Amino acid sequence: MEDGEYVLLYPDGSQIKNIPGTDTVFTTGEYKEAIGKAYQRITLYICTLEDL
């Protein structure tokens, strides 16, 4: 990966900050519980701030 700042994105392209519909800070464990999917069924994207 190239140098720079990166962000995580939901499949709809929105930037990840909190668990959707809550004020809970995002963690993969909390997200997994909130959406009720197994880890292998979760899709997230990573991109540079430059590409955002």
C-alpha atoms as a PDB file:
ATOM      1  CA  MET A   1       0.000   0.000   0.000  1.00  0.00           C
ATOM      2  CA  GLU A   2       1.179   3.470  -0.714  1.00  0.00           C
ATOM      3  CA  ASP A   3       1.898   6.069   1.958  1.00  0.00           C
ATOM      4  CA  GLY A   4      -0.864   8.418   3.020  1.00  0.00           C
ATOM      5  CA  GLU A   5      -4.035   8.544   5.038  1.00  0.00           C
ATOM      6  CA  TYR A   6      -6.708   5.899   4.536  1.00  0.00           C
ATOM      7  CA  VAL A   7     -10.387   5.664   5.423  1.00  0.00           C
ATOM      8  CA  LEU A   8     -12.834   2.781   5.653  1.00  0.00           C
ATOM      9  CA  LEU A   9     -16.021   2.871   3.597  1.00  0.00           C
ATOM     10  CA  TYR A  10     -19.325   1.033   3.769  1.00  0.00           C
ATOM     11  CA  PRO A  11     -20.463  -0.689   0.540  1.00  0.00           C
ATOM     12  CA  ASP A  12     -22.575   2.387  -0.324  1.00  0.00           C
ATOM     13  CA  GLY A  13     -19.379   4.479  -0.331  1.00  0.00           C
ATOM     14  CA  SER A  14     -20.095   6.411   2.856  1.00  0.00           C
ATOM     15  CA  GLN A  15     -17.214   6.897   5.258  1.00  0.00           C
ATOM     16  CA  ILE A  16     -17.197   4.752   8.386  1.00  0.00           C
ATOM     17  CA  LYS A  17     -17.275   6.652  11.661  1.00  0.00           C
ATOM     18  CA  ASN A  18     -20.048   5.125  13.779  1.00  0.00           C
ATOM     19  CA  ILE A  19     -22.215   2.028  13.720  1.00  0.00           C
ATOM     20  CA  PRO A  20     -25.125   2.984  11.395  1.00  0.00           C
ATOM     21  CA  GLY A  21     -28.060   4.488  13.272  1.00  0.00           C
ATOM     22  CA  THR A  22     -26.125   4.914  16.535  1.00  0.00           C
ATOM     23  CA  ASP A  23     -23.523   7.115  18.182  1.00  0.00           C
ATOM     24  CA  THR A  24     -21.368   4.043  18.898  1.00  0.00           C
ATOM     25  CA  VAL A  25     -17.820   4.349  17.558  1.00  0.00           C
ATOM     26  CA  PHE A  26     -17.195   1.786  14.810  1.00  0.00           C
ATOM     27  CA  THR A  27     -15.454  -1.476  15.605  1.00  0.00           C
ATOM     28  CA  THR A  28     -15.692  -4.591  13.481  1.00  0.00           C
ATOM     29  CA  GLY A  29     -17.101  -6.554  16.428  1.00  0.00           C
ATOM     30  CA  GLU A  30     -19.859  -4.025  17.131  1.00  0.00           C
ATOM     31  CA  TYR A  31     -20.672  -3.764  13.414  1.00  0.00           C
ATOM     32  CA  LYS A  32     -20.885  -7.554  13.112  1.00  0.00           C
ATOM     33  CA  GLU A  33     -23.358  -7.694  16.004  1.00  0.00           C
ATOM     34  CA  ALA A  34     -25.401  -4.757  14.673  1.00  0.00           C
ATOM     35  CA  ILE A  35     -25.905  -6.238  11.207  1.00  0.00           C
ATOM     36  CA  GLY A  36     -26.105  -9.869  12.305  1.00  0.00           C
ATOM     37  CA  LYS A  37     -23.685 -11.241   9.712  1.00  0.00           C
ATOM     38  CA  ALA A  38     -20.663 -13.496  10.005  1.00  0.00           C
ATOM     39  CA  TYR A  39     -17.281 -11.819   9.489  1.00  0.00           C
ATOM     40  CA  GLN A  40     -16.801 -13.527   6.117  1.00  0.00           C
ATOM     41  CA  ARG A  41     -20.073 -11.923   4.911  1.00  0.00           C
ATOM     42  CA  ILE A  42     -19.089  -8.355   5.809  1.00  0.00           C
ATOM     43  CA  THR A  43     -17.843  -6.127   2.997  1.00  0.00           C
ATOM     44  CA  LEU A  44     -15.919  -2.939   3.734  1.00  0.00           C
ATOM     45  CA  TYR A  45     -13.624  -0.898   1.520  1.00  0.00           C
ATOM     46  CA  ILE A  46     -10.425   0.998   2.189  1.00  0.00           C
ATOM     47  CA  CYS A  47      -9.309   3.971   0.126  1.00  0.00           C
ATOM     48  CA  THR A  48      -6.940   6.879   0.406  1.00  0.00           C
ATOM     49  CA  LEU A  49      -8.262  10.274   1.430  1.00  0.00           C
ATOM     50  CA  GLU A  50      -6.920  11.477  -1.894  1.00  0.00           C
ATOM     51  CA  ASP A  51      -9.223   9.077  -3.793  1.00  0.00           C
ATOM     52  CA  LEU A  52     -12.269   9.836  -1.669  1.00  0.00           C
END
